[in-house]
Amino acid sequence: MDTKSSAKGWAIQAFAEFIGTAMFLYLAVGGADSVSRGVAGMNILGQSFAFGVGLMVTAWAFFRISGSHFNPAISLSSLITGHISVPKFVLYFIAQILGALLGVALVRGTTPSTESIGQINTLMNGQSIARGFFLEFFLTASLCFVYHMVVHEKNRSTFMAALPYGFALFSCHLFATRYTDAAINPARAFATSVVARNFTREHWIYWFGPLTGAIFAAALHILFRFLDYDHHNAGIDAENQAQYMRAQGAYYGDVNTTTFAGHSNHIENEVSHGNHIDNSVSHGNRIDNGVSHGNFVNHGDQVNQVHQTPAGTTTTTTAR
């Protein structure tokens, strides 16, 4: 890819992070602010749901454009694991901060002016600064690690990575809202403080806690990759027994991939009417490469062609 194309791609991705972060925090902060003014017993559950679902829907929308970080901690962790470059990290960071400011400002601008932004991060219920720091550290590390495993480790469920990503944030908020108001995102903590014009003395922990947690998650992900974790559960993404056994055999070197069969035949994808099937079955014949109409084909090694003569007799020609 030439420099011009690369720059254009980065600009599009950074713009997606800007819009996505703004949309995420508009839905999350606005929703959490709304439910926090309702029934007291529903506050934590409602706020957690607002952030989890807000992230889920926006992450799904922008996933194929930018990867849907929407959080400097996710971007920092991705930088350390080598999934984004330093220039892209800088672009993402700026886009996320500006997007967060826009999203929270829109909450202020579209709700009654008599109501203040209630999502400022502060320590509550006797939570000490040290405990608050480590709570933000471990929860952000958990969120980042989930992101690495469902997004960066490509598998059959990667296309729905927004689901575990959103539910992970939901779980984090369900735990921490009562104690630190659950930032788990420096951009979110900064934006709500700026718009509300209220920086608490412990604001720094909402930067250092999540960012150091992101570094820890990156180190953990690198460790698992170093240990070749994916080889110790070979075939986990197999569609059927044959694929699973092939994957196991490739790793252990002693697995007979023909062990699993149906009707005394080797199975690739399915068994139908007692025929050997690799890709599909047509007219009750054995098929490896999708050849039908009475021909037996095994990767070009042997072909038995059946001809019907006018007299009704059958002739067979064998070619190798």
Protein backbone atom coordinates (compact mmCIF):
# COMPACT_ATOMS: atom_id res chain seq x y z
CA MET A 1 0.00 0.00 0.00
CA ASP A 2 1.44 3.41 -0.92
CA THR A 3 1.83 6.25 1.60
CA LYS A 4 -1.15 8.19 0.27
CA SER A 5 -3.49 5.20 0.55
CA SER A 6 -2.17 4.39 4.02
CA ALA A 7 -2.70 7.96 5.22
CA LYS A 8 -6.24 7.95 3.84
CA GLY A 9 -7.00 4.66 5.58
CA TRP A 10 -5.69 5.93 8.90
CA ALA A 11 -7.71 9.12 8.55
CA ILE A 12 -10.89 7.11 7.92
CA GLN A 13 -10.18 4.86 10.89
CA ALA A 14 -9.43 7.80 13.18
CA PHE A 15 -12.64 9.50 12.06
CA ALA A 16 -14.53 6.30 12.84
CA GLU A 17 -12.98 6.27 16.32
CA PHE A 18 -14.04 9.90 16.79
CA ILE A 19 -17.65 9.31 15.73
CA GLY A 20 -17.85 5.91 17.43
CA THR A 21 -16.52 7.21 20.76
CA ALA A 22 -18.92 10.15 20.62
CA MET A 23 -21.87 7.87 19.85
CA PHE A 24 -20.87 5.35 22.50
CA LEU A 25 -20.56 7.91 25.28
CA TYR A 26 -23.66 9.80 24.19
CA LEU A 27 -25.69 6.60 24.57
CA ALA A 28 -23.83 5.34 27.65
CA VAL A 29 -23.49 8.52 29.70
CA GLY A 30 -26.93 9.75 28.70
CA GLY A 31 -28.56 6.41 29.50
CA ALA A 32 -26.69 6.00 32.78
CA ASP A 33 -27.51 9.57 33.79
CA SER A 34 -31.18 8.97 33.06
CA VAL A 35 -31.55 5.76 35.06
CA SER A 36 -29.52 7.16 37.95
CA ARG A 37 -32.36 9.60 38.59
CA GLY A 38 -34.94 6.82 38.81
CA VAL A 39 -35.50 4.04 41.32
CA ALA A 40 -32.47 3.79 43.60
CA GLY A 41 -32.28 -0.01 43.50
CA MET A 42 -32.01 0.03 39.70
CA ASN A 43 -29.17 2.56 39.51
CA ILE A 44 -26.20 0.22 39.27
CA LEU A 45 -27.88 -2.33 37.01
CA GLY A 46 -29.29 0.39 34.76
CA GLN A 47 -26.01 2.29 34.47
CA SER A 48 -24.10 -0.91 33.77
CA PHE A 49 -26.62 -1.87 31.12
CA ALA A 50 -26.37 1.58 29.50
CA PHE A 51 -22.59 1.35 29.17
CA GLY A 52 -22.51 -2.32 28.14
CA VAL A 53 -25.20 -2.07 25.49
CA GLY A 54 -23.96 1.35 24.36
CA LEU A 55 -20.54 -0.14 23.68
CA MET A 56 -21.98 -3.28 22.11
CA VAL A 57 -24.09 -1.54 19.46
CA THR A 58 -21.51 1.09 18.53
CA ALA A 59 -18.65 -1.44 18.49
CA TRP A 60 -20.64 -3.63 16.14
CA ALA A 61 -21.32 -0.67 13.85
CA PHE A 62 -17.69 0.48 13.57
CA PHE A 63 -15.84 -2.80 14.09
CA ARG A 64 -14.92 -3.34 10.44
CA ILE A 65 -13.67 0.23 10.07
CA SER A 66 -11.44 0.95 13.05
CA GLY A 67 -11.68 -2.06 15.35
CA SER A 68 -13.96 -0.12 17.72
CA HIS A 69 -11.49 0.75 20.47
CA PHE A 70 -13.30 3.86 21.79
CA ASN A 71 -10.92 3.76 24.74
CA PRO A 72 -7.26 4.89 25.03
CA ALA A 73 -6.59 1.86 27.24
CA ILE A 74 -7.63 -0.55 24.47
CA SER A 75 -5.49 1.37 21.98
CA LEU A 76 -2.45 1.36 24.28
CA SER A 77 -2.78 -2.37 24.88
CA SER A 78 -3.12 -2.96 21.12
CA LEU A 79 -0.01 -0.85 20.52
CA ILE A 80 2.04 -2.95 22.93
CA THR A 81 0.89 -6.22 21.36
CA GLY A 82 1.85 -4.88 17.93
CA HIS A 83 -1.63 -4.69 16.45
CA ILE A 84 -1.44 -0.95 15.78
CA SER A 85 1.50 1.37 15.13
CA VAL A 86 2.62 4.39 17.15
CA PRO A 87 1.24 6.92 14.61
CA LYS A 88 -2.12 5.15 14.55
CA PHE A 89 -2.17 5.07 18.37
CA VAL A 90 -1.63 8.83 18.48
CA LEU A 91 -4.43 9.39 15.94
CA TYR A 92 -6.77 7.08 17.84
CA PHE A 93 -5.95 8.73 21.17
CA ILE A 94 -6.72 12.22 19.86
CA ALA A 95 -9.89 10.99 18.13
CA GLN A 96 -11.09 9.25 21.29
CA ILE A 97 -10.55 12.27 23.53
CA LEU A 98 -12.30 14.61 21.09
CA GLY A 99 -15.08 12.10 20.48
CA ALA A 100 -15.61 11.66 24.21
CA LEU A 101 -15.86 15.43 24.69
CA LEU A 102 -18.40 15.65 21.87
CA GLY A 103 -20.49 12.75 23.17
CA VAL A 104 -20.71 14.07 26.73
CA ALA A 105 -21.30 17.63 25.50
CA LEU A 106 -24.24 16.33 23.46
CA VAL A 107 -25.67 14.76 26.61
CA ARG A 108 -25.48 18.15 28.29
CA GLY A 109 -26.92 19.91 25.23
CA THR A 110 -29.88 17.57 24.73
CA THR A 111 -31.05 17.28 28.36
CA PRO A 112 -32.55 19.97 30.64
CA SER A 113 -29.99 22.55 31.70
CA THR A 114 -31.16 22.27 35.30
CA GLU A 115 -29.74 18.75 35.47
CA SER A 116 -25.99 18.33 35.83
CA ILE A 117 -23.91 15.52 34.38
CA GLY A 118 -24.09 12.85 37.05
CA GLN A 119 -21.43 10.52 35.65
CA ILE A 120 -18.33 12.22 37.04
CA ASN A 121 -15.93 9.60 38.31
CA THR A 122 -15.25 9.83 42.01
CA LEU A 123 -14.50 7.43 44.85
CA MET A 124 -17.55 6.42 46.86
CA ASN A 125 -18.61 4.36 49.88
CA GLY A 126 -15.34 4.80 51.74
CA GLN A 127 -13.21 3.55 48.85
CA SER A 128 -9.55 4.49 49.34
CA ILE A 129 -7.36 5.82 46.55
CA ALA A 130 -5.23 2.66 46.56
CA ARG A 131 -8.26 0.37 46.33
CA GLY A 132 -9.80 2.59 43.68
CA PHE A 133 -6.61 2.49 41.64
CA PHE A 134 -6.34 -1.29 41.69
CA LEU A 135 -10.03 -1.74 40.99
CA GLU A 136 -9.67 0.37 37.84
CA PHE A 137 -6.43 -1.46 37.05
CA PHE A 138 -7.83 -4.98 37.21
CA LEU A 139 -11.16 -4.25 35.55
CA THR A 140 -9.52 -2.42 32.65
CA ALA A 141 -7.01 -5.26 32.31
CA SER A 142 -9.94 -7.69 32.12
CA LEU A 143 -11.67 -5.62 29.45
CA CYS A 144 -8.48 -5.30 27.39
CA PHE A 145 -7.71 -9.01 27.63
CA VAL A 146 -11.22 -9.90 26.47
CA TYR A 147 -10.72 -7.54 23.53
CA HIS A 148 -7.43 -9.20 22.59
CA MET A 149 -8.88 -12.70 22.72
CA VAL A 150 -12.07 -12.01 20.76
CA VAL A 151 -10.69 -9.48 18.25
CA HIS A 152 -6.97 -10.06 17.75
CA GLU A 153 -7.11 -13.85 18.07
CA LYS A 154 -9.03 -14.62 14.90
CA ASN A 155 -11.56 -17.41 15.19
CA ARG A 156 -15.04 -18.35 14.05
CA SER A 157 -16.67 -16.00 16.58
CA THR A 158 -14.62 -12.90 15.75
CA PHE A 159 -17.43 -11.46 13.65
CA MET A 160 -19.54 -11.13 16.80
CA ALA A 161 -16.73 -9.77 18.99
CA ALA A 162 -18.91 -6.80 19.95
CA LEU A 163 -21.04 -9.09 22.13
CA PRO A 164 -18.36 -10.25 24.61
CA TYR A 165 -16.72 -6.80 24.40
CA GLY A 166 -19.96 -5.12 25.46
CA PHE A 167 -20.80 -7.72 28.09
CA ALA A 168 -17.29 -7.40 29.55
CA LEU A 169 -17.85 -3.67 30.06
CA PHE A 170 -21.29 -4.42 31.52
CA SER A 171 -19.65 -6.73 34.08
CA CYS A 172 -16.98 -4.15 34.91
CA HIS A 173 -19.59 -1.46 35.57
CA LEU A 174 -21.75 -3.84 37.57
CA PHE A 175 -18.79 -4.33 39.90
CA ALA A 176 -17.16 -0.91 40.08
CA THR A 177 -20.01 1.62 39.77
CA ARG A 178 -20.60 1.50 43.52
CA TYR A 179 -16.97 2.20 44.37
CA THR A 180 -15.25 4.26 41.63
CA ASP A 181 -18.20 5.00 39.34
CA ALA A 182 -16.41 2.67 36.91
CA ALA A 183 -14.38 4.75 34.48
CA ILE A 184 -12.47 1.87 32.82
CA ASN A 185 -11.79 4.49 30.15
CA PRO A 186 -9.62 7.62 30.59
CA ALA A 187 -11.43 9.42 27.76
CA ARG A 188 -14.78 8.94 29.48
CA ALA A 189 -13.44 10.15 32.87
CA PHE A 190 -11.77 13.18 31.30
CA ALA A 191 -14.77 14.21 29.17
CA THR A 192 -17.33 14.07 31.98
CA SER A 193 -15.04 16.11 34.23
CA VAL A 194 -14.44 18.74 31.53
CA VAL A 195 -18.10 19.15 30.59
CA ALA A 196 -19.19 19.24 34.24
CA ARG A 197 -16.23 21.48 35.12
CA ASN A 198 -15.48 19.32 38.09
CA PHE A 199 -12.13 17.58 38.48
CA THR A 200 -11.90 15.57 41.69
CA ARG A 201 -8.61 15.21 43.55
CA GLU A 202 -8.46 11.51 42.67
CA HIS A 203 -9.00 12.10 38.94
CA TRP A 204 -5.49 10.85 38.20
CA ILE A 205 -6.36 7.26 39.14
CA TYR A 206 -8.81 7.17 36.21
CA TRP A 207 -5.84 7.64 33.91
CA PHE A 208 -3.11 5.61 35.57
CA GLY A 209 -5.33 2.75 36.71
CA PRO A 210 -6.77 1.93 33.27
CA LEU A 211 -3.54 2.59 31.35
CA THR A 212 -1.39 0.40 33.60
CA GLY A 213 -4.12 -2.22 33.46
CA ALA A 214 -3.91 -2.07 29.67
CA ILE A 215 -0.15 -2.71 29.84
CA PHE A 216 -0.74 -5.71 32.11
CA ALA A 217 -3.36 -7.15 29.72
CA ALA A 218 -0.96 -6.74 26.79
CA ALA A 219 1.78 -8.57 28.69
CA LEU A 220 -0.64 -11.38 29.54
CA HIS A 221 -1.71 -11.71 25.92
CA ILE A 222 1.91 -11.78 24.74
CA LEU A 223 2.65 -14.47 27.33
CA PHE A 224 -0.16 -16.71 26.09
CA ARG A 225 1.02 -16.26 22.51
CA PHE A 226 4.57 -17.14 23.57
CA LEU A 227 3.25 -20.32 25.18
CA ASP A 228 1.43 -21.27 21.94
CA TYR A 229 -1.84 -21.53 23.82
CA ASP A 230 -3.82 -22.18 20.63
CA HIS A 231 -1.91 -25.40 19.89
CA HIS A 232 -2.95 -27.00 23.17
CA ASN A 233 -6.60 -27.01 22.21
CA ALA A 234 -6.20 -27.73 18.52
CA GLY A 235 -9.38 -27.96 16.52
CA ILE A 236 -11.48 -25.81 18.85
CA ASP A 237 -12.95 -24.02 15.82
CA ALA A 238 -13.54 -27.17 13.77
CA GLU A 239 -16.89 -27.45 12.04
CA ASN A 240 -17.04 -31.23 12.33
CA GLN A 241 -15.27 -34.27 13.71
CA ALA A 242 -13.04 -34.73 10.66
CA GLN A 243 -11.66 -31.19 10.86
CA TYR A 244 -11.18 -31.57 14.60
CA MET A 245 -9.24 -34.81 14.18
CA ARG A 246 -7.07 -33.31 11.43
CA ALA A 247 -6.19 -30.39 13.69
CA GLN A 248 -5.42 -32.74 16.57
CA GLY A 249 -3.30 -34.90 14.27
CA ALA A 250 -1.35 -31.91 13.01
CA TYR A 251 -0.40 -31.06 16.58
CA TYR A 252 0.03 -34.48 18.20
CA GLY A 253 1.08 -36.39 15.10
CA ASP A 254 -0.62 -39.64 16.11
CA VAL A 255 -4.29 -39.21 15.39
CA ASN A 256 -6.00 -41.23 12.66
CA THR A 257 -8.29 -38.78 10.90
CA THR A 258 -10.39 -41.63 9.52
CA THR A 259 -11.49 -42.75 12.96
CA PHE A 260 -14.77 -40.93 12.74
CA ALA A 261 -16.89 -42.29 9.93
CA GLY A 262 -20.50 -43.02 9.16
CA HIS A 263 -21.86 -45.99 7.23
CA SER A 264 -18.26 -47.29 6.88
CA ASN A 265 -17.23 -44.20 4.90
CA HIS A 266 -14.72 -41.40 5.52
CA ILE A 267 -16.59 -38.19 6.36
CA GLU A 268 -15.45 -34.71 5.42
CA ASN A 269 -18.54 -32.63 5.96
CA GLU A 270 -21.58 -34.92 6.18
CA VAL A 271 -22.88 -38.38 5.32
CA SER A 272 -25.82 -38.87 2.99
CA HIS A 273 -27.24 -42.20 1.82
CA GLY A 274 -24.08 -44.15 2.71
CA ASN A 275 -21.88 -42.38 0.14
CA HIS A 276 -18.37 -40.99 0.55
CA ILE A 277 -18.67 -37.20 0.61
CA ASP A 278 -16.05 -34.46 0.62
CA ASN A 279 -17.94 -31.47 -0.67
CA SER A 280 -21.35 -32.53 -1.98
CA VAL A 281 -23.36 -35.49 -3.22
CA SER A 282 -25.25 -35.62 -6.47
CA HIS A 283 -27.04 -38.58 -8.04
CA GLY A 284 -25.84 -41.03 -5.35
CA ASN A 285 -22.23 -41.11 -6.59
CA ARG A 286 -18.94 -40.78 -4.73
CA ILE A 287 -17.61 -37.24 -5.13
CA ASP A 288 -14.44 -35.52 -3.98
CA ASN A 289 -14.38 -32.40 -6.09
CA GLY A 290 -18.04 -31.85 -6.85
CA VAL A 291 -18.20 -34.02 -10.02
CA SER A 292 -21.58 -35.62 -10.64
CA HIS A 293 -23.70 -37.36 -13.27
CA GLY A 294 -22.36 -40.89 -12.80
CA ASN A 295 -18.64 -40.12 -12.68
CA PHE A 296 -16.30 -41.32 -9.94
CA VAL A 297 -13.56 -38.74 -9.34
CA ASN A 298 -10.81 -38.73 -6.77
CA HIS A 299 -8.69 -35.63 -7.34
CA GLY A 300 -7.91 -36.58 -10.93
CA ASP A 301 -6.36 -39.95 -10.09
CA GLN A 302 -9.03 -42.18 -11.56
CA VAL A 303 -12.16 -41.56 -13.61
CA ASN A 304 -14.78 -44.20 -14.39
CA GLN A 305 -17.09 -42.82 -17.02
CA VAL A 306 -20.40 -44.61 -17.55
CA HIS A 307 -21.91 -44.48 -21.03
CA GLN A 308 -25.43 -45.55 -21.94
CA THR A 309 -25.60 -47.06 -25.46
CA PRO A 310 -28.69 -46.89 -27.68
CA ALA A 311 -29.23 -50.62 -27.21
CA GLY A 312 -29.50 -50.17 -23.46
CA THR A 313 -26.15 -51.76 -22.61
CA THR A 314 -23.65 -50.03 -20.38
CA THR A 315 -19.97 -49.54 -21.10
CA THR A 316 -17.38 -48.28 -18.65
CA THR A 317 -14.18 -46.48 -19.61
CA THR A 318 -11.41 -46.13 -17.07
CA ALA A 319 -8.89 -43.32 -17.37
CA ARG A 320 -5.90 -42.50 -15.19
